[in-house]
Amino acid sequence: MFCFFFFFFCLFPFLLPNYLKLFISLFLFSFSFCFLFTFSFIVLSFSFSVFLFFIPIFLSMSLFPPRP
């Protein structure tokens, strides 16, 4: 998979005319931007849900400590 992307990004543009190069580079830039945006959104939502899940546990542990 990585080799395919490496080939696609590095060697493939040299085989194309200029307008196709421009179009493909714009397309790849927008695709990578969208991918990064969705990935960061997923990670942020996951971390926020974990945070919301653990807040009551920590609060209950701090407010009502377990008796020895």
PDB file of N, CA and C in Angstrom:
ATOM      1  N   MET A   1       0.841  -1.201   0.000  1.00  0.00           N
ATOM      2  CA  MET A   1       0.000   0.000   0.000  1.00  0.00           C
ATOM      3  C   MET A   1       0.877   1.253   0.000  1.00  0.00           C
ATOM      4  N   PHE A   2       1.838   1.267   0.900  1.00  0.00           N
ATOM      5  CA  PHE A   2       2.718   2.429   0.963  1.00  0.00           C
ATOM      6  C   PHE A   2       3.539   2.578  -0.310  1.00  0.00           C
ATOM      7  N   CYS A   3       3.993   1.455  -0.852  1.00  0.00           N
ATOM      8  CA  CYS A   3       4.774   1.515  -2.097  1.00  0.00           C
ATOM      9  C   CYS A   3       3.922   2.043  -3.240  1.00  0.00           C
ATOM     10  N   PHE A   4       2.665   1.629  -3.251  1.00  0.00           N
ATOM     11  CA  PHE A   4       1.764   2.136  -4.279  1.00  0.00           C
ATOM     12  C   PHE A   4       1.599   3.650  -4.174  1.00  0.00           C
ATOM     13  N   PHE A   5       1.404   4.147  -2.951  1.00  0.00           N
ATOM     14  CA  PHE A   5       1.253   5.587  -2.783  1.00  0.00           C
ATOM     15  C   PHE A   5       2.541   6.335  -3.094  1.00  0.00           C
ATOM     16  N   PHE A   6       3.651   5.722  -2.722  1.00  0.00           N
ATOM     17  CA  PHE A   6       4.933   6.338  -3.044  1.00  0.00           C
ATOM     18  C   PHE A   6       5.107   6.460  -4.550  1.00  0.00           C
ATOM     19  N   PHE A   7       4.798   5.387  -5.255  1.00  0.00           N
ATOM     20  CA  PHE A   7       4.879   5.421  -6.717  1.00  0.00           C
ATOM     21  C   PHE A   7       3.925   6.464  -7.288  1.00  0.00           C
ATOM     22  N   PHE A   8       2.721   6.485  -6.734  1.00  0.00           N
ATOM     23  CA  PHE A   8       1.700   7.386  -7.267  1.00  0.00           C
ATOM     24  C   PHE A   8       2.075   8.846  -7.054  1.00  0.00           C
ATOM     25  N   PHE A   9       2.611   9.154  -5.880  1.00  0.00           N
ATOM     26  CA  PHE A   9       2.922  10.552  -5.582  1.00  0.00           C
ATOM     27  C   PHE A   9       4.218  11.016  -6.230  1.00  0.00           C
ATOM     28  N   CYS A  10       5.202  10.125  -6.319  1.00  0.00           N
ATOM     29  CA  CYS A  10       6.535  10.584  -6.715  1.00  0.00           C
ATOM     30  C   CYS A  10       6.825  10.359  -8.190  1.00  0.00           C
ATOM     31  N   LEU A  11       6.456   9.212  -8.739  1.00  0.00           N
ATOM     32  CA  LEU A  11       6.849   8.892 -10.107  1.00  0.00           C
ATOM     33  C   LEU A  11       5.754   9.171 -11.130  1.00  0.00           C
ATOM     34  N   PHE A  12       4.520   9.053 -10.698  1.00  0.00           N
ATOM     35  CA  PHE A  12       3.416   9.197 -11.644  1.00  0.00           C
ATOM     36  C   PHE A  12       3.296  10.608 -12.239  1.00  0.00           C
ATOM     37  N   PRO A  13       3.490  11.700 -11.476  1.00  0.00           N
ATOM     38  CA  PRO A  13       3.322  13.035 -12.054  1.00  0.00           C
ATOM     39  C   PRO A  13       4.296  13.355 -13.187  1.00  0.00           C
ATOM     40  N   PHE A  14       5.439  12.683 -13.245  1.00  0.00           N
ATOM     41  CA  PHE A  14       6.396  12.988 -14.307  1.00  0.00           C
ATOM     42  C   PHE A  14       5.951  12.444 -15.648  1.00  0.00           C
ATOM     43  N   LEU A  15       4.969  11.555 -15.654  1.00  0.00           N
ATOM     44  CA  LEU A  15       4.521  10.949 -16.902  1.00  0.00           C
ATOM     45  C   LEU A  15       3.314  11.672 -17.498  1.00  0.00           C
ATOM     46  N   LEU A  16       2.926  12.770 -16.888  1.00  0.00           N
ATOM     47  CA  LEU A  16       1.701  13.435 -17.329  1.00  0.00           C
ATOM     48  C   LEU A  16       1.988  14.838 -17.854  1.00  0.00           C
ATOM     49  N   PRO A  17       1.085  15.350 -18.703  1.00  0.00           N
ATOM     50  CA  PRO A  17       1.193  16.770 -19.081  1.00  0.00           C
ATOM     51  C   PRO A  17       0.849  17.711 -17.928  1.00  0.00           C
ATOM     52  N   ASN A  18       1.039  18.982 -18.171  1.00  0.00           N
ATOM     53  CA  ASN A  18       1.013  19.948 -17.067  1.00  0.00           C
ATOM     54  C   ASN A  18      -0.379  20.161 -16.484  1.00  0.00           C
ATOM     55  N   TYR A  19      -1.388  20.259 -17.336  1.00  0.00           N
ATOM     56  CA  TYR A  19      -2.722  20.533 -16.784  1.00  0.00           C
ATOM     57  C   TYR A  19      -3.232  19.342 -15.985  1.00  0.00           C
ATOM     58  N   LEU A  20      -2.907  18.122 -16.429  1.00  0.00           N
ATOM     59  CA  LEU A  20      -3.282  16.949 -15.650  1.00  0.00           C
ATOM     60  C   LEU A  20      -2.533  16.908 -14.328  1.00  0.00           C
ATOM     61  N   LYS A  21      -1.280  17.319 -14.369  1.00  0.00           N
ATOM     62  CA  LYS A  21      -0.509  17.395 -13.122  1.00  0.00           C
ATOM     63  C   LYS A  21      -1.160  18.351 -12.131  1.00  0.00           C
ATOM     64  N   LEU A  22      -1.549  19.500 -12.633  1.00  0.00           N
ATOM     65  CA  LEU A  22      -2.184  20.489 -11.767  1.00  0.00           C
ATOM     66  C   LEU A  22      -3.491  19.962 -11.184  1.00  0.00           C
ATOM     67  N   PHE A  23      -4.297  19.355 -12.054  1.00  0.00           N
ATOM     68  CA  PHE A  23      -5.587  18.832 -11.609  1.00  0.00           C
ATOM     69  C   PHE A  23      -5.407  17.747 -10.556  1.00  0.00           C
ATOM     70  N   ILE A  24      -4.477  16.823 -10.811  1.00  0.00           N
ATOM     71  CA  ILE A  24      -4.267  15.716  -9.873  1.00  0.00           C
ATOM     72  C   ILE A  24      -3.672  16.211  -8.562  1.00  0.00           C
ATOM     73  N   SER A  25      -2.784  17.184  -8.641  1.00  0.00           N
ATOM     74  CA  SER A  25      -2.209  17.708  -7.395  1.00  0.00           C
ATOM     75  C   SER A  25      -3.274  18.432  -6.562  1.00  0.00           C
ATOM     76  N   LEU A  26      -4.148  19.186  -7.230  1.00  0.00           N
ATOM     77  CA  LEU A  26      -5.240  19.819  -6.490  1.00  0.00           C
ATOM     78  C   LEU A  26      -6.171  18.788  -5.871  1.00  0.00           C
ATOM     79  N   PHE A  27      -6.463  17.759  -6.654  1.00  0.00           N
ATOM     80  CA  PHE A  27      -7.345  16.716  -6.148  1.00  0.00           C
ATOM     81  C   PHE A  27      -6.733  16.001  -4.946  1.00  0.00           C
ATOM     82  N   LEU A  28      -5.449  15.682  -5.042  1.00  0.00           N
ATOM     83  CA  LEU A  28      -4.778  14.989  -3.940  1.00  0.00           C
ATOM     84  C   LEU A  28      -4.651  15.881  -2.718  1.00  0.00           C
ATOM     85  N   PHE A  29      -4.419  17.167  -2.963  1.00  0.00           N
ATOM     86  CA  PHE A  29      -4.342  18.098  -1.834  1.00  0.00           C
ATOM     87  C   PHE A  29      -5.678  18.184  -1.107  1.00  0.00           C
ATOM     88  N   SER A  30      -6.758  18.304  -1.866  1.00  0.00           N
ATOM     89  CA  SER A  30      -8.073  18.385  -1.226  1.00  0.00           C
ATOM     90  C   SER A  30      -8.427  17.074  -0.532  1.00  0.00           C
ATOM     91  N   PHE A  31      -8.056  15.955  -1.167  1.00  0.00           N
ATOM     92  CA  PHE A  31      -8.337  14.659  -0.561  1.00  0.00           C
ATOM     93  C   PHE A  31      -7.571  14.489   0.749  1.00  0.00           C
ATOM     94  N   SER A  32      -6.298  14.866   0.742  1.00  0.00           N
ATOM     95  CA  SER A  32      -5.508  14.738   1.968  1.00  0.00           C
ATOM     96  C   SER A  32      -6.017  15.689   3.052  1.00  0.00           C
ATOM     97  N   PHE A  33      -6.442  16.892   2.641  1.00  0.00           N
ATOM     98  CA  PHE A  33      -6.994  17.831   3.615  1.00  0.00           C
ATOM     99  C   PHE A  33      -8.263  17.271   4.245  1.00  0.00           C
ATOM    100  N   CYS A  34      -9.156  16.722   3.428  1.00  0.00           N
ATOM    101  CA  CYS A  34     -10.389  16.146   3.954  1.00  0.00           C
ATOM    102  C   CYS A  34     -10.098  14.951   4.845  1.00  0.00           C
ATOM    103  N   PHE A  35      -9.117  14.148   4.414  1.00  0.00           N
ATOM    104  CA  PHE A  35      -8.770  12.985   5.221  1.00  0.00           C
ATOM    105  C   PHE A  35      -8.222  13.412   6.575  1.00  0.00           C
ATOM    106  N   LEU A  36      -7.343  14.411   6.590  1.00  0.00           N
ATOM    107  CA  LEU A  36      -6.791  14.898   7.852  1.00  0.00           C
ATOM    108  C   LEU A  36      -7.879  15.498   8.731  1.00  0.00           C
ATOM    109  N   PHE A  37      -8.787  16.231   8.106  1.00  0.00           N
ATOM    110  CA  PHE A  37      -9.863  16.847   8.865  1.00  0.00           C
ATOM    111  C   PHE A  37     -10.755  15.794   9.511  1.00  0.00           C
ATOM    112  N   THR A  38     -11.143  14.773   8.732  1.00  0.00           N
ATOM    113  CA  THR A  38     -12.016  13.735   9.287  1.00  0.00           C
ATOM    114  C   THR A  38     -11.280  12.916  10.340  1.00  0.00           C
ATOM    115  N   PHE A  39      -9.998  12.642  10.102  1.00  0.00           N
ATOM    116  CA  PHE A  39      -9.233  11.870  11.079  1.00  0.00           C
ATOM    117  C   PHE A  39      -9.114  12.637  12.396  1.00  0.00           C
ATOM    118  N   SER A  40      -8.804  13.925  12.323  1.00  0.00           N
ATOM    119  CA  SER A  40      -8.693  14.721  13.544  1.00  0.00           C
ATOM    120  C   SER A  40     -10.048  14.845  14.248  1.00  0.00           C
ATOM    121  N   PHE A  41     -11.108  14.953  13.446  1.00  0.00           N
ATOM    122  CA  PHE A  41     -12.442  15.031  14.047  1.00  0.00           C
ATOM    123  C   PHE A  41     -12.791  13.737  14.780  1.00  0.00           C
ATOM    124  N   ILE A  42     -12.472  12.598  14.176  1.00  0.00           N
ATOM    125  CA  ILE A  42     -12.744  11.311  14.815  1.00  0.00           C
ATOM    126  C   ILE A  42     -11.936  11.165  16.096  1.00  0.00           C
ATOM    127  N   VAL A  43     -10.664  11.540  16.036  1.00  0.00           N
ATOM    128  CA  VAL A  43      -9.817  11.428  17.222  1.00  0.00           C
ATOM    129  C   VAL A  43     -10.302  12.355  18.336  1.00  0.00           C
ATOM    130  N   LEU A  44     -10.681  13.561  17.965  1.00  0.00           N
ATOM    131  CA  LEU A  44     -11.171  14.503  18.967  1.00  0.00           C
ATOM    132  C   LEU A  44     -12.479  14.037  19.588  1.00  0.00           C
ATOM    133  N   SER A  45     -13.375  13.528  18.782  1.00  0.00           N
ATOM    134  CA  SER A  45     -14.643  13.056  19.336  1.00  0.00           C
ATOM    135  C   SER A  45     -14.438  11.840  20.238  1.00  0.00           C
ATOM    136  N   PHE A  46     -13.525  10.965  19.824  1.00  0.00           N
ATOM    137  CA  PHE A  46     -13.235   9.796  20.656  1.00  0.00           C
ATOM    138  C   PHE A  46     -12.633  10.209  22.001  1.00  0.00           C
ATOM    139  N   SER A  47     -11.672  11.121  21.957  1.00  0.00           N
ATOM    140  CA  SER A  47     -11.041  11.562  23.201  1.00  0.00           C
ATOM    141  C   SER A  47     -12.047  12.311  24.087  1.00  0.00           C
ATOM    142  N   PHE A  48     -12.925  13.073  23.451  1.00  0.00           N
ATOM    143  CA  PHE A  48     -13.939  13.788  24.228  1.00  0.00           C
ATOM    144  C   PHE A  48     -14.913  12.818  24.889  1.00  0.00           C
ATOM    145  N   SER A  49     -15.299  11.770  24.169  1.00  0.00           N
ATOM    146  CA  SER A  49     -16.200  10.780  24.768  1.00  0.00           C
ATOM    147  C   SER A  49     -15.520  10.031  25.917  1.00  0.00           C
ATOM    148  N   VAL A  50     -14.252   9.702  25.746  1.00  0.00           N
ATOM    149  CA  VAL A  50     -13.513   9.049  26.830  1.00  0.00           C
ATOM    150  C   VAL A  50     -13.414   9.976  28.030  1.00  0.00           C
ATOM    151  N   PHE A  51     -13.144  11.244  27.751  1.00  0.00           N
ATOM    152  CA  PHE A  51     -13.076  12.253  28.800  1.00  0.00           C
ATOM    153  C   PHE A  51     -14.401  12.341  29.565  1.00  0.00           C
ATOM    154  N   LEU A  52     -15.508  12.392  28.819  1.00  0.00           N
ATOM    155  CA  LEU A  52     -16.818  12.464  29.460  1.00  0.00           C
ATOM    156  C   LEU A  52     -17.152  11.186  30.216  1.00  0.00           C
ATOM    157  N   PHE A  53     -16.630  10.078  29.736  1.00  0.00           N
ATOM    158  CA  PHE A  53     -16.880   8.825  30.438  1.00  0.00           C
ATOM    159  C   PHE A  53     -16.122   8.759  31.755  1.00  0.00           C
ATOM    160  N   PHE A  54     -14.898   9.310  31.777  1.00  0.00           N
ATOM    161  CA  PHE A  54     -14.066   9.164  32.968  1.00  0.00           C
ATOM    162  C   PHE A  54     -14.257  10.276  33.988  1.00  0.00           C
ATOM    163  N   ILE A  55     -14.869  11.374  33.608  1.00  0.00           N
ATOM    164  CA  ILE A  55     -15.076  12.468  34.565  1.00  0.00           C
ATOM    165  C   ILE A  55     -15.928  12.027  35.766  1.00  0.00           C
ATOM    166  N   PRO A  56     -17.087  11.377  35.577  1.00  0.00           N
ATOM    167  CA  PRO A  56     -17.867  10.982  36.771  1.00  0.00           C
ATOM    168  C   PRO A  56     -17.144   9.989  37.664  1.00  0.00           C
ATOM    169  N   ILE A  57     -16.359   9.104  37.034  1.00  0.00           N
ATOM    170  CA  ILE A  57     -15.618   8.121  37.838  1.00  0.00           C
ATOM    171  C   ILE A  57     -14.602   8.827  38.731  1.00  0.00           C
ATOM    172  N   PHE A  58     -13.845   9.735  38.136  1.00  0.00           N
ATOM    173  CA  PHE A  58     -12.854  10.459  38.939  1.00  0.00           C
ATOM    174  C   PHE A  58     -13.518  11.354  39.974  1.00  0.00           C
ATOM    175  N   LEU A  59     -14.616  11.966  39.603  1.00  0.00           N
ATOM    176  CA  LEU A  59     -15.323  12.805  40.569  1.00  0.00           C
ATOM    177  C   LEU A  59     -15.844  11.977  41.735  1.00  0.00           C
ATOM    178  N   SER A  60     -16.422  10.840  41.438  1.00  0.00           N
ATOM    179  CA  SER A  60     -16.941  10.005  42.529  1.00  0.00           C
ATOM    180  C   SER A  60     -15.805   9.468  43.389  1.00  0.00           C
ATOM    181  N   MET A  61     -14.677   9.159  42.767  1.00  0.00           N
ATOM    182  CA  MET A  61     -13.548   8.677  43.563  1.00  0.00           C
ATOM    183  C   MET A  61     -12.980   9.782  44.457  1.00  0.00           C
ATOM    184  N   SER A  62     -13.001  11.012  43.946  1.00  0.00           N
ATOM    185  CA  SER A  62     -12.445  12.095  44.756  1.00  0.00           C
ATOM    186  C   SER A  62     -13.444  12.562  45.832  1.00  0.00           C
ATOM    187  N   LEU A  63     -14.725  12.548  45.507  1.00  0.00           N
ATOM    188  CA  LEU A  63     -15.713  13.000  46.483  1.00  0.00           C
ATOM    189  C   LEU A  63     -15.994  11.931  47.534  1.00  0.00           C
ATOM    190  N   PHE A  64     -16.071  10.686  47.107  1.00  0.00           N
ATOM    191  CA  PHE A  64     -16.345   9.589  48.028  1.00  0.00           C
ATOM    192  C   PHE A  64     -15.189   8.588  47.946  1.00  0.00           C
ATOM    193  N   PRO A  65     -14.131   8.846  48.681  1.00  0.00           N
ATOM    194  CA  PRO A  65     -12.993   7.914  48.607  1.00  0.00           C
ATOM    195  C   PRO A  65     -13.347   6.567  49.223  1.00  0.00           C
ATOM    196  N   PRO A  66     -12.776   5.512  48.708  1.00  0.00           N
ATOM    197  CA  PRO A  66     -13.096   4.181  49.267  1.00  0.00           C
ATOM    198  C   PRO A  66     -12.584   4.034  50.699  1.00  0.00           C
ATOM    199  N   ARG A  67     -13.438   3.476  51.510  1.00  0.00           N
ATOM    200  CA  ARG A  67     -13.053   3.321  52.918  1.00  0.00           C
ATOM    201  C   ARG A  67     -12.073   2.159  53.080  1.00  0.00           C
ATOM    202  N   PRO A  68     -11.125   2.326  53.959  1.00  0.00           N
ATOM    203  CA  PRO A  68     -10.160   1.229  54.178  1.00  0.00           C
ATOM    204  C   PRO A  68     -10.781   0.082  54.966  1.00  0.00           C
TER     205      PRO A  68
END
